[in-house]
Amino acid sequence: MIDKNKIFSNLEYIESMNQHGASPNLDEYWEEIVDMLSEDIEATRKFLNDECNEHQIEYMAGYYEDISYNFQSHEFINILEELQKKYPNIDIKQDIQWAKDAIED
């Protein structure tokens, strides 16, 4: 189950640490996000499309590769490509390519 409040809380914490020049180990915060978004592809689609804004989509882009690796599904790539069309002002093309590369055909 995706706990959107937990994801948004983690994103806010990560972003605040990065903005203030702090460099604590943020891996556990990212891992929680990746784990939740890797559980159910339809729940992930709904969350990314309905709950996240353009900034959040772009901010999480560096971890789409990990989520893609966990899903091993081209369906997740389709979700990312839909998001790129929905938000033409962000550039996640390279992140989408890395997500494609993470799928072991």
PDB file of N, CA and C in Angstrom:
ATOM      1  N   MET A   1       0.837  -1.191   0.000  1.00  0.00           N
ATOM      2  CA  MET A   1       0.000   0.000   0.000  1.00  0.00           C
ATOM      3  C   MET A   1       0.879   1.250   0.000  1.00  0.00           C
ATOM      4  N   ILE A   2       0.482   2.207  -0.791  1.00  0.00           N
ATOM      5  CA  ILE A   2       1.238   3.450  -0.866  1.00  0.00           C
ATOM      6  C   ILE A   2       0.737   4.398   0.215  1.00  0.00           C
ATOM      7  N   ASP A   3       1.638   4.789   1.080  1.00  0.00           N
ATOM      8  CA  ASP A   3       1.337   5.764   2.123  1.00  0.00           C
ATOM      9  C   ASP A   3       1.787   7.120   1.596  1.00  0.00           C
ATOM     10  N   LYS A   4       0.858   7.834   0.951  1.00  0.00           N
ATOM     11  CA  LYS A   4       1.236   9.090   0.305  1.00  0.00           C
ATOM     12  C   LYS A   4       1.779  10.109   1.303  1.00  0.00           C
ATOM     13  N   ASN A   5       1.247  10.123   2.517  1.00  0.00           N
ATOM     14  CA  ASN A   5       1.749  11.070   3.511  1.00  0.00           C
ATOM     15  C   ASN A   5       3.207  10.781   3.857  1.00  0.00           C
ATOM     16  N   LYS A   6       3.556   9.500   3.951  1.00  0.00           N
ATOM     17  CA  LYS A   6       4.940   9.110   4.242  1.00  0.00           C
ATOM     18  C   LYS A   6       5.852   9.506   3.081  1.00  0.00           C
ATOM     19  N   ILE A   7       5.407   9.256   1.862  1.00  0.00           N
ATOM     20  CA  ILE A   7       6.222   9.619   0.701  1.00  0.00           C
ATOM     21  C   ILE A   7       6.432  11.123   0.657  1.00  0.00           C
ATOM     22  N   PHE A   8       5.361  11.891   0.811  1.00  0.00           N
ATOM     23  CA  PHE A   8       5.493  13.349   0.753  1.00  0.00           C
ATOM     24  C   PHE A   8       6.346  13.878   1.901  1.00  0.00           C
ATOM     25  N   SER A   9       6.205  13.281   3.068  1.00  0.00           N
ATOM     26  CA  SER A   9       7.032  13.668   4.213  1.00  0.00           C
ATOM     27  C   SER A   9       8.511  13.396   3.926  1.00  0.00           C
ATOM     28  N   ASN A  10       8.800  12.217   3.378  1.00  0.00           N
ATOM     29  CA  ASN A  10      10.185  11.880   3.029  1.00  0.00           C
ATOM     30  C   ASN A  10      10.730  12.838   1.980  1.00  0.00           C
ATOM     31  N   LEU A  11       9.929  13.132   0.956  1.00  0.00           N
ATOM     32  CA  LEU A  11      10.382  14.055  -0.091  1.00  0.00           C
ATOM     33  C   LEU A  11      10.684  15.438   0.474  1.00  0.00           C
ATOM     34  N   GLU A  12       9.814  15.919   1.349  1.00  0.00           N
ATOM     35  CA  GLU A  12      10.035  17.229   1.966  1.00  0.00           C
ATOM     36  C   GLU A  12      11.321  17.229   2.787  1.00  0.00           C
ATOM     37  N   TYR A  13      11.545  16.173   3.543  1.00  0.00           N
ATOM     38  CA  TYR A  13      12.758  16.085   4.356  1.00  0.00           C
ATOM     39  C   TYR A  13      14.000  16.041   3.472  1.00  0.00           C
ATOM     40  N   ILE A  14      13.980  15.208   2.452  1.00  0.00           N
ATOM     41  CA  ILE A  14      15.126  15.086   1.544  1.00  0.00           C
ATOM     42  C   ILE A  14      15.417  16.428   0.890  1.00  0.00           C
ATOM     43  N   GLU A  15      14.371  17.078   0.401  1.00  0.00           N
ATOM     44  CA  GLU A  15      14.567  18.360  -0.276  1.00  0.00           C
ATOM     45  C   GLU A  15      15.087  19.422   0.683  1.00  0.00           C
ATOM     46  N   SER A  16      14.579  19.450   1.900  1.00  0.00           N
ATOM     47  CA  SER A  16      15.047  20.448   2.865  1.00  0.00           C
ATOM     48  C   SER A  16      16.511  20.220   3.226  1.00  0.00           C
ATOM     49  N   MET A  17      16.920  18.975   3.352  1.00  0.00           N
ATOM     50  CA  MET A  17      18.326  18.677   3.639  1.00  0.00           C
ATOM     51  C   MET A  17      19.216  19.109   2.472  1.00  0.00           C
ATOM     52  N   ASN A  18      18.778  18.844   1.257  1.00  0.00           N
ATOM     53  CA  ASN A  18      19.564  19.220   0.083  1.00  0.00           C
ATOM     54  C   ASN A  18      19.648  20.734  -0.075  1.00  0.00           C
ATOM     55  N   GLN A  19      18.574  21.446   0.214  1.00  0.00           N
ATOM     56  CA  GLN A  19      18.551  22.897   0.057  1.00  0.00           C
ATOM     57  C   GLN A  19      19.427  23.596   1.083  1.00  0.00           C
ATOM     58  N   HIS A  20      19.569  23.007   2.236  1.00  0.00           N
ATOM     59  CA  HIS A  20      20.345  23.641   3.294  1.00  0.00           C
ATOM     60  C   HIS A  20      21.788  23.152   3.330  1.00  0.00           C
ATOM     61  N   GLY A  21      22.181  22.433   2.309  1.00  0.00           N
ATOM     62  CA  GLY A  21      23.568  21.991   2.211  1.00  0.00           C
ATOM     63  C   GLY A  21      23.928  20.848   3.141  1.00  0.00           C
ATOM     64  N   ALA A  22      22.956  20.336   3.856  1.00  0.00           N
ATOM     65  CA  ALA A  22      23.236  19.212   4.747  1.00  0.00           C
ATOM     66  C   ALA A  22      23.432  17.960   3.901  1.00  0.00           C
ATOM     67  N   SER A  23      24.254  17.077   4.399  1.00  0.00           N
ATOM     68  CA  SER A  23      24.479  15.857   3.626  1.00  0.00           C
ATOM     69  C   SER A  23      24.374  14.599   4.487  1.00  0.00           C
ATOM     70  N   PRO A  24      23.257  14.474   5.211  1.00  0.00           N
ATOM     71  CA  PRO A  24      23.084  13.216   5.946  1.00  0.00           C
ATOM     72  C   PRO A  24      22.797  12.098   4.959  1.00  0.00           C
ATOM     73  N   ASN A  25      22.910  10.892   5.402  1.00  0.00           N
ATOM     74  CA  ASN A  25      22.596   9.761   4.541  1.00  0.00           C
ATOM     75  C   ASN A  25      21.077   9.709   4.353  1.00  0.00           C
ATOM     76  N   LEU A  26      20.650   9.974   3.130  1.00  0.00           N
ATOM     77  CA  LEU A  26      19.223  10.025   2.834  1.00  0.00           C
ATOM     78  C   LEU A  26      18.710   8.735   2.201  1.00  0.00           C
ATOM     79  N   ASP A  27      19.580   7.740   2.094  1.00  0.00           N
ATOM     80  CA  ASP A  27      19.210   6.495   1.421  1.00  0.00           C
ATOM     81  C   ASP A  27      17.968   5.840   2.021  1.00  0.00           C
ATOM     82  N   GLU A  28      17.873   5.832   3.348  1.00  0.00           N
ATOM     83  CA  GLU A  28      16.730   5.156   3.960  1.00  0.00           C
ATOM     84  C   GLU A  28      15.421   5.843   3.587  1.00  0.00           C
ATOM     85  N   TYR A  29      15.440   7.159   3.417  1.00  0.00           N
ATOM     86  CA  TYR A  29      14.234   7.892   3.036  1.00  0.00           C
ATOM     87  C   TYR A  29      13.848   7.575   1.596  1.00  0.00           C
ATOM     88  N   TRP A  30      14.863   7.535   0.720  1.00  0.00           N
ATOM     89  CA  TRP A  30      14.606   7.168  -0.674  1.00  0.00           C
ATOM     90  C   TRP A  30      14.160   5.715  -0.778  1.00  0.00           C
ATOM     91  N   GLU A  31      14.781   4.831  -0.011  1.00  0.00           N
ATOM     92  CA  GLU A  31      14.426   3.405  -0.067  1.00  0.00           C
ATOM     93  C   GLU A  31      12.966   3.177   0.308  1.00  0.00           C
ATOM     94  N   GLU A  32      12.486   3.908   1.313  1.00  0.00           N
ATOM     95  CA  GLU A  32      11.075   3.776   1.699  1.00  0.00           C
ATOM     96  C   GLU A  32      10.166   4.173   0.538  1.00  0.00           C
ATOM     97  N   ILE A  33      10.537   5.252  -0.155  1.00  0.00           N
ATOM     98  CA  ILE A  33       9.746   5.703  -1.299  1.00  0.00           C
ATOM     99  C   ILE A  33       9.773   4.647  -2.396  1.00  0.00           C
ATOM    100  N   VAL A  34      10.975   4.192  -2.746  1.00  0.00           N
ATOM    101  CA  VAL A  34      11.126   3.187  -3.807  1.00  0.00           C
ATOM    102  C   VAL A  34      10.356   1.916  -3.448  1.00  0.00           C
ATOM    103  N   ASP A  35      10.470   1.469  -2.209  1.00  0.00           N
ATOM    104  CA  ASP A  35       9.774   0.243  -1.791  1.00  0.00           C
ATOM    105  C   ASP A  35       8.258   0.376  -1.941  1.00  0.00           C
ATOM    106  N   MET A  36       7.712   1.498  -1.490  1.00  0.00           N
ATOM    107  CA  MET A  36       6.262   1.682  -1.589  1.00  0.00           C
ATOM    108  C   MET A  36       5.809   1.762  -3.041  1.00  0.00           C
ATOM    109  N   LEU A  37       6.594   2.456  -3.867  1.00  0.00           N
ATOM    110  CA  LEU A  37       6.207   2.617  -5.270  1.00  0.00           C
ATOM    111  C   LEU A  37       6.492   1.371  -6.098  1.00  0.00           C
ATOM    112  N   SER A  38       7.139   0.382  -5.508  1.00  0.00           N
ATOM    113  CA  SER A  38       7.462  -0.858  -6.221  1.00  0.00           C
ATOM    114  C   SER A  38       6.523  -2.013  -5.874  1.00  0.00           C
ATOM    115  N   GLU A  39       5.516  -1.760  -5.061  1.00  0.00           N
ATOM    116  CA  GLU A  39       4.636  -2.839  -4.604  1.00  0.00           C
ATOM    117  C   GLU A  39       3.554  -3.212  -5.607  1.00  0.00           C
ATOM    118  N   ASP A  40       2.872  -2.224  -6.146  1.00  0.00           N
ATOM    119  CA  ASP A  40       1.706  -2.476  -7.001  1.00  0.00           C
ATOM    120  C   ASP A  40       1.702  -1.455  -8.128  1.00  0.00           C
ATOM    121  N   ILE A  41       1.813  -1.928  -9.351  1.00  0.00           N
ATOM    122  CA  ILE A  41       1.987  -1.010 -10.474  1.00  0.00           C
ATOM    123  C   ILE A  41       0.768  -0.112 -10.703  1.00  0.00           C
ATOM    124  N   GLU A  42      -0.429  -0.628 -10.489  1.00  0.00           N
ATOM    125  CA  GLU A  42      -1.622   0.207 -10.681  1.00  0.00           C
ATOM    126  C   GLU A  42      -1.732   1.270  -9.593  1.00  0.00           C
ATOM    127  N   ALA A  43      -1.394   0.914  -8.367  1.00  0.00           N
ATOM    128  CA  ALA A  43      -1.392   1.898  -7.288  1.00  0.00           C
ATOM    129  C   ALA A  43      -0.337   2.967  -7.554  1.00  0.00           C
ATOM    130  N   THR A  44       0.793   2.550  -8.100  1.00  0.00           N
ATOM    131  CA  THR A  44       1.861   3.498  -8.434  1.00  0.00           C
ATOM    132  C   THR A  44       1.406   4.433  -9.544  1.00  0.00           C
ATOM    133  N   ARG A  45       0.759   3.885 -10.575  1.00  0.00           N
ATOM    134  CA  ARG A  45       0.231   4.720 -11.666  1.00  0.00           C
ATOM    135  C   ARG A  45      -0.723   5.780 -11.106  1.00  0.00           C
ATOM    136  N   LYS A  46      -1.653   5.328 -10.279  1.00  0.00           N
ATOM    137  CA  LYS A  46      -2.648   6.240  -9.706  1.00  0.00           C
ATOM    138  C   LYS A  46      -1.969   7.300  -8.843  1.00  0.00           C
ATOM    139  N   PHE A  47      -1.027   6.895  -8.029  1.00  0.00           N
ATOM    140  CA  PHE A  47      -0.333   7.839  -7.159  1.00  0.00           C
ATOM    141  C   PHE A  47       0.414   8.892  -7.978  1.00  0.00           C
ATOM    142  N   LEU A  48       1.213   8.448  -8.945  1.00  0.00           N
ATOM    143  CA  LEU A  48       2.013   9.388  -9.730  1.00  0.00           C
ATOM    144  C   LEU A  48       1.134  10.318 -10.557  1.00  0.00           C
ATOM    145  N   ASN A  49       0.055   9.799 -11.110  1.00  0.00           N
ATOM    146  CA  ASN A  49      -0.820  10.610 -11.960  1.00  0.00           C
ATOM    147  C   ASN A  49      -1.765  11.515 -11.182  1.00  0.00           C
ATOM    148  N   ASP A  50      -2.267  11.031 -10.055  1.00  0.00           N
ATOM    149  CA  ASP A  50      -3.329  11.755  -9.355  1.00  0.00           C
ATOM    150  C   ASP A  50      -2.879  12.514  -8.113  1.00  0.00           C
ATOM    151  N   GLU A  51      -1.794  12.081  -7.502  1.00  0.00           N
ATOM    152  CA  GLU A  51      -1.393  12.667  -6.221  1.00  0.00           C
ATOM    153  C   GLU A  51      -0.165  13.573  -6.311  1.00  0.00           C
ATOM    154  N   CYS A  52       0.667  13.353  -7.327  1.00  0.00           N
ATOM    155  CA  CYS A  52       1.936  14.085  -7.415  1.00  0.00           C
ATOM    156  C   CYS A  52       1.833  15.261  -8.368  1.00  0.00           C
ATOM    157  N   ASN A  53       2.563  16.314  -8.033  1.00  0.00           N
ATOM    158  CA  ASN A  53       2.627  17.452  -8.937  1.00  0.00           C
ATOM    159  C   ASN A  53       3.890  17.352  -9.796  1.00  0.00           C
ATOM    160  N   GLU A  54       4.033  18.286 -10.697  1.00  0.00           N
ATOM    161  CA  GLU A  54       5.146  18.281 -11.638  1.00  0.00           C
ATOM    162  C   GLU A  54       6.501  18.258 -10.926  1.00  0.00           C
ATOM    163  N   HIS A  55       6.636  19.069  -9.894  1.00  0.00           N
ATOM    164  CA  HIS A  55       7.900  19.126  -9.149  1.00  0.00           C
ATOM    165  C   HIS A  55       8.226  17.779  -8.505  1.00  0.00           C
ATOM    166  N   GLN A  56       7.239  17.152  -7.896  1.00  0.00           N
ATOM    167  CA  GLN A  56       7.463  15.866  -7.236  1.00  0.00           C
ATOM    168  C   GLN A  56       7.841  14.785  -8.244  1.00  0.00           C
ATOM    169  N   ILE A  57       7.198  14.792  -9.400  1.00  0.00           N
ATOM    170  CA  ILE A  57       7.526  13.828 -10.456  1.00  0.00           C
ATOM    171  C   ILE A  57       8.983  13.991 -10.867  1.00  0.00           C
ATOM    172  N   GLU A  58       9.395  15.221 -11.067  1.00  0.00           N
ATOM    173  CA  GLU A  58      10.780  15.475 -11.479  1.00  0.00           C
ATOM    174  C   GLU A  58      11.765  15.143 -10.358  1.00  0.00           C
ATOM    175  N   TYR A  59      11.400  15.451  -9.132  1.00  0.00           N
ATOM    176  CA  TYR A  59      12.301  15.231  -8.003  1.00  0.00           C
ATOM    177  C   TYR A  59      12.561  13.741  -7.758  1.00  0.00           C
ATOM    178  N   MET A  60      11.565  12.915  -8.018  1.00  0.00           N
ATOM    179  CA  MET A  60      11.715  11.474  -7.811  1.00  0.00           C
ATOM    180  C   MET A  60      12.346  10.767  -9.008  1.00  0.00           C
ATOM    181  N   ALA A  61      12.558  11.482 -10.099  1.00  0.00           N
ATOM    182  CA  ALA A  61      12.977  10.859 -11.363  1.00  0.00           C
ATOM    183  C   ALA A  61      14.254  10.035 -11.245  1.00  0.00           C
ATOM    184  N   GLY A  62      15.172  10.441 -10.405  1.00  0.00           N
ATOM    185  CA  GLY A  62      16.423   9.710 -10.255  1.00  0.00           C
ATOM    186  C   GLY A  62      16.250   8.308  -9.691  1.00  0.00           C
ATOM    187  N   TYR A  63      15.066   8.014  -9.183  1.00  0.00           N
ATOM    188  CA  TYR A  63      14.807   6.703  -8.582  1.00  0.00           C
ATOM    189  C   TYR A  63      13.854   5.853  -9.409  1.00  0.00           C
ATOM    190  N   TYR A  64      13.443   6.352 -10.577  1.00  0.00           N
ATOM    191  CA  TYR A  64      12.580   5.554 -11.448  1.00  0.00           C
ATOM    192  C   TYR A  64      13.301   4.301 -11.934  1.00  0.00           C
ATOM    193  N   GLU A  65      14.605   4.406 -12.083  1.00  0.00           N
ATOM    194  CA  GLU A  65      15.391   3.234 -12.495  1.00  0.00           C
ATOM    195  C   GLU A  65      15.248   2.100 -11.479  1.00  0.00           C
ATOM    196  N   ASP A  66      15.332   2.436 -10.192  1.00  0.00           N
ATOM    197  CA  ASP A  66      15.208   1.423  -9.136  1.00  0.00           C
ATOM    198  C   ASP A  66      13.810   0.801  -9.126  1.00  0.00           C
ATOM    199  N   ILE A  67      12.804   1.646  -9.293  1.00  0.00           N
ATOM    200  CA  ILE A  67      11.427   1.148  -9.311  1.00  0.00           C
ATOM    201  C   ILE A  67      11.225   0.241 -10.523  1.00  0.00           C
ATOM    202  N   SER A  68      11.751   0.665 -11.656  1.00  0.00           N
ATOM    203  CA  SER A  68      11.659  -0.133 -12.878  1.00  0.00           C
ATOM    204  C   SER A  68      12.349  -1.482 -12.705  1.00  0.00           C
ATOM    205  N   TYR A  69      13.516  -1.468 -12.075  1.00  0.00           N
ATOM    206  CA  TYR A  69      14.239  -2.720 -11.819  1.00  0.00           C
ATOM    207  C   TYR A  69      13.383  -3.661 -10.969  1.00  0.00           C
ATOM    208  N   ASN A  70      12.713  -3.104  -9.974  1.00  0.00           N
ATOM    209  CA  ASN A  70      11.870  -3.923  -9.100  1.00  0.00           C
ATOM    210  C   ASN A  70      10.657  -4.490  -9.836  1.00  0.00           C
ATOM    211  N   PHE A  71      10.020  -3.684 -10.674  1.00  0.00           N
ATOM    212  CA  PHE A  71       8.839  -4.149 -11.404  1.00  0.00           C
ATOM    213  C   PHE A  71       9.188  -5.085 -12.555  1.00  0.00           C
ATOM    214  N   GLN A  72      10.300  -4.828 -13.226  1.00  0.00           N
ATOM    215  CA  GLN A  72      10.656  -5.594 -14.427  1.00  0.00           C
ATOM    216  C   GLN A  72       9.471  -5.642 -15.399  1.00  0.00           C
ATOM    217  N   SER A  73       8.909  -4.463 -15.674  1.00  0.00           N
ATOM    218  CA  SER A  73       7.715  -4.387 -16.514  1.00  0.00           C
ATOM    219  C   SER A  73       7.756  -3.142 -17.395  1.00  0.00           C
ATOM    220  N   HIS A  74       7.438  -3.344 -18.664  1.00  0.00           N
ATOM    221  CA  HIS A  74       7.366  -2.202 -19.578  1.00  0.00           C
ATOM    222  C   HIS A  74       6.165  -1.319 -19.257  1.00  0.00           C
ATOM    223  N   GLU A  75       5.250  -1.828 -18.490  1.00  0.00           N
ATOM    224  CA  GLU A  75       4.094  -1.031 -18.080  1.00  0.00           C
ATOM    225  C   GLU A  75       4.541   0.185 -17.265  1.00  0.00           C
ATOM    226  N   PHE A  76       5.565   0.021 -16.446  1.00  0.00           N
ATOM    227  CA  PHE A  76       6.072   1.161 -15.679  1.00  0.00           C
ATOM    228  C   PHE A  76       6.687   2.198 -16.618  1.00  0.00           C
ATOM    229  N   ILE A  77       7.348   1.760 -17.665  1.00  0.00           N
ATOM    230  CA  ILE A  77       7.909   2.682 -18.655  1.00  0.00           C
ATOM    231  C   ILE A  77       6.781   3.486 -19.293  1.00  0.00           C
ATOM    232  N   ASN A  78       5.682   2.824 -19.603  1.00  0.00           N
ATOM    233  CA  ASN A  78       4.526   3.521 -20.174  1.00  0.00           C
ATOM    234  C   ASN A  78       4.016   4.606 -19.232  1.00  0.00           C
ATOM    235  N   ILE A  79       4.001   4.317 -17.942  1.00  0.00           N
ATOM    236  CA  ILE A  79       3.583   5.305 -16.944  1.00  0.00           C
ATOM    237  C   ILE A  79       4.505   6.518 -17.010  1.00  0.00           C
ATOM    238  N   LEU A  80       5.812   6.270 -17.052  1.00  0.00           N
ATOM    239  CA  LEU A  80       6.775   7.373 -17.096  1.00  0.00           C
ATOM    240  C   LEU A  80       6.620   8.197 -18.369  1.00  0.00           C
ATOM    241  N   GLU A  81       6.402   7.528 -19.477  1.00  0.00           N
ATOM    242  CA  GLU A  81       6.218   8.249 -20.741  1.00  0.00           C
ATOM    243  C   GLU A  81       4.935   9.082 -20.714  1.00  0.00           C
ATOM    244  N   GLU A  82       3.898   8.576 -20.075  1.00  0.00           N
ATOM    245  CA  GLU A  82       2.662   9.346 -19.897  1.00  0.00           C
ATOM    246  C   GLU A  82       2.930  10.594 -19.056  1.00  0.00           C
ATOM    247  N   LEU A  83       3.738  10.445 -18.016  1.00  0.00           N
ATOM    248  CA  LEU A  83       4.061  11.583 -17.155  1.00  0.00           C
ATOM    249  C   LEU A  83       4.872  12.628 -17.912  1.00  0.00           C
ATOM    250  N   GLN A  84       5.776  12.187 -18.778  1.00  0.00           N
ATOM    251  CA  GLN A  84       6.564  13.131 -19.578  1.00  0.00           C
ATOM    252  C   GLN A  84       5.637  13.946 -20.485  1.00  0.00           C
ATOM    253  N   LYS A  85       4.625  13.301 -21.046  1.00  0.00           N
ATOM    254  CA  LYS A  85       3.654  14.014 -21.893  1.00  0.00           C
ATOM    255  C   LYS A  85       2.779  14.947 -21.062  1.00  0.00           C
ATOM    256  N   LYS A  86       2.393  14.484 -19.884  1.00  0.00           N
ATOM    257  CA  LYS A  86       1.533  15.285 -19.005  1.00  0.00           C
ATOM    258  C   LYS A  86       2.258  16.545 -18.539  1.00  0.00           C
ATOM    259  N   TYR A  87       3.564  16.416 -18.308  1.00  0.00           N
ATOM    260  CA  TYR A  87       4.371  17.536 -17.818  1.00  0.00           C
ATOM    261  C   TYR A  87       5.500  17.829 -18.803  1.00  0.00           C
ATOM    262  N   PRO A  88       5.197  18.498 -19.919  1.00  0.00           N
ATOM    263  CA  PRO A  88       6.227  18.736 -20.940  1.00  0.00           C
ATOM    264  C   PRO A  88       7.342  19.682 -20.490  1.00  0.00           C
ATOM    265  N   ASN A  89       7.139  20.396 -19.392  1.00  0.00           N
ATOM    266  CA  ASN A  89       8.166  21.333 -18.918  1.00  0.00           C
ATOM    267  C   ASN A  89       9.286  20.661 -18.138  1.00  0.00           C
ATOM    268  N   ILE A  90       9.113  19.393 -17.791  1.00  0.00           N
ATOM    269  CA  ILE A  90      10.195  18.676 -17.115  1.00  0.00           C
ATOM    270  C   ILE A  90      10.843  17.731 -18.116  1.00  0.00           C
ATOM    271  N   ASP A  91      12.095  17.450 -17.893  1.00  0.00           N
ATOM    272  CA  ASP A  91      12.812  16.558 -18.800  1.00  0.00           C
ATOM    273  C   ASP A  91      13.256  15.328 -18.023  1.00  0.00           C
ATOM    274  N   ILE A  92      12.506  14.255 -18.191  1.00  0.00           N
ATOM    275  CA  ILE A  92      12.860  12.995 -17.532  1.00  0.00           C
ATOM    276  C   ILE A  92      13.211  11.929 -18.569  1.00  0.00           C
ATOM    277  N   LYS A  93      13.549  12.380 -19.773  1.00  0.00           N
ATOM    278  CA  LYS A  93      13.864  11.424 -20.849  1.00  0.00           C
ATOM    279  C   LYS A  93      15.020  10.498 -20.477  1.00  0.00           C
ATOM    280  N   GLN A  94      16.079  11.062 -19.905  1.00  0.00           N
ATOM    281  CA  GLN A  94      17.222  10.234 -19.526  1.00  0.00           C
ATOM    282  C   GLN A  94      16.840   9.257 -18.414  1.00  0.00           C
ATOM    283  N   ASP A  95      16.022   9.717 -17.485  1.00  0.00           N
ATOM    284  CA  ASP A  95      15.563   8.840 -16.400  1.00  0.00           C
ATOM    285  C   ASP A  95      14.704   7.703 -16.954  1.00  0.00           C
ATOM    286  N   ILE A  96      13.911   8.007 -17.972  1.00  0.00           N
ATOM    287  CA  ILE A  96      13.101   6.970 -18.620  1.00  0.00           C
ATOM    288  C   ILE A  96      14.013   5.960 -19.308  1.00  0.00           C
ATOM    289  N   GLN A  97      15.064   6.452 -19.953  1.00  0.00           N
ATOM    290  CA  GLN A  97      15.999   5.537 -20.615  1.00  0.00           C
ATOM    291  C   GLN A  97      16.669   4.617 -19.596  1.00  0.00           C
ATOM    292  N   TRP A  98      17.084   5.184 -18.471  1.00  0.00           N
ATOM    293  CA  TRP A  98      17.697   4.356 -17.422  1.00  0.00           C
ATOM    294  C   TRP A  98      16.697   3.333 -16.884  1.00  0.00           C
ATOM    295  N   ALA A  99      15.433   3.746 -16.774  1.00  0.00           N
ATOM    296  CA  ALA A  99      14.391   2.816 -16.321  1.00  0.00           C
ATOM    297  C   ALA A  99      14.223   1.680 -17.330  1.00  0.00           C
ATOM    298  N   LYS A 100      14.292   2.009 -18.619  1.00  0.00           N
ATOM    299  CA  LYS A 100      14.219   0.971 -19.658  1.00  0.00           C
ATOM    300  C   LYS A 100      15.407   0.020 -19.542  1.00  0.00           C
ATOM    301  N   ASP A 101      16.585   0.591 -19.326  1.00  0.00           N
ATOM    302  CA  ASP A 101      17.802  -0.215 -19.224  1.00  0.00           C
ATOM    303  C   ASP A 101      17.776  -1.156 -18.021  1.00  0.00           C
ATOM    304  N   ALA A 102      16.988  -0.804 -16.997  1.00  0.00           N
ATOM    305  CA  ALA A 102      16.929  -1.617 -15.774  1.00  0.00           C
ATOM    306  C   ALA A 102      16.097  -2.885 -15.953  1.00  0.00           C
ATOM    307  N   ILE A 103      15.339  -2.940 -17.041  1.00  0.00           N
ATOM    308  CA  ILE A 103      14.509  -4.120 -17.294  1.00  0.00           C
ATOM    309  C   ILE A 103      15.364  -5.178 -17.970  1.00  0.00           C
ATOM    310  N   GLU A 104      15.395  -6.333 -17.358  1.00  0.00           N
ATOM    311  CA  GLU A 104      16.203  -7.439 -17.875  1.00  0.00           C
ATOM    312  C   GLU A 104      15.352  -8.285 -18.810  1.00  0.00           C
ATOM    313  N   ASP A 105      15.462  -8.015 -20.102  1.00  0.00           N
ATOM    314  CA  ASP A 105      14.678  -8.779 -21.089  1.00  0.00           C
ATOM    315  C   ASP A 105      15.277 -10.134 -21.329  1.00  0.00           C
TER     316      ASP A 105
END
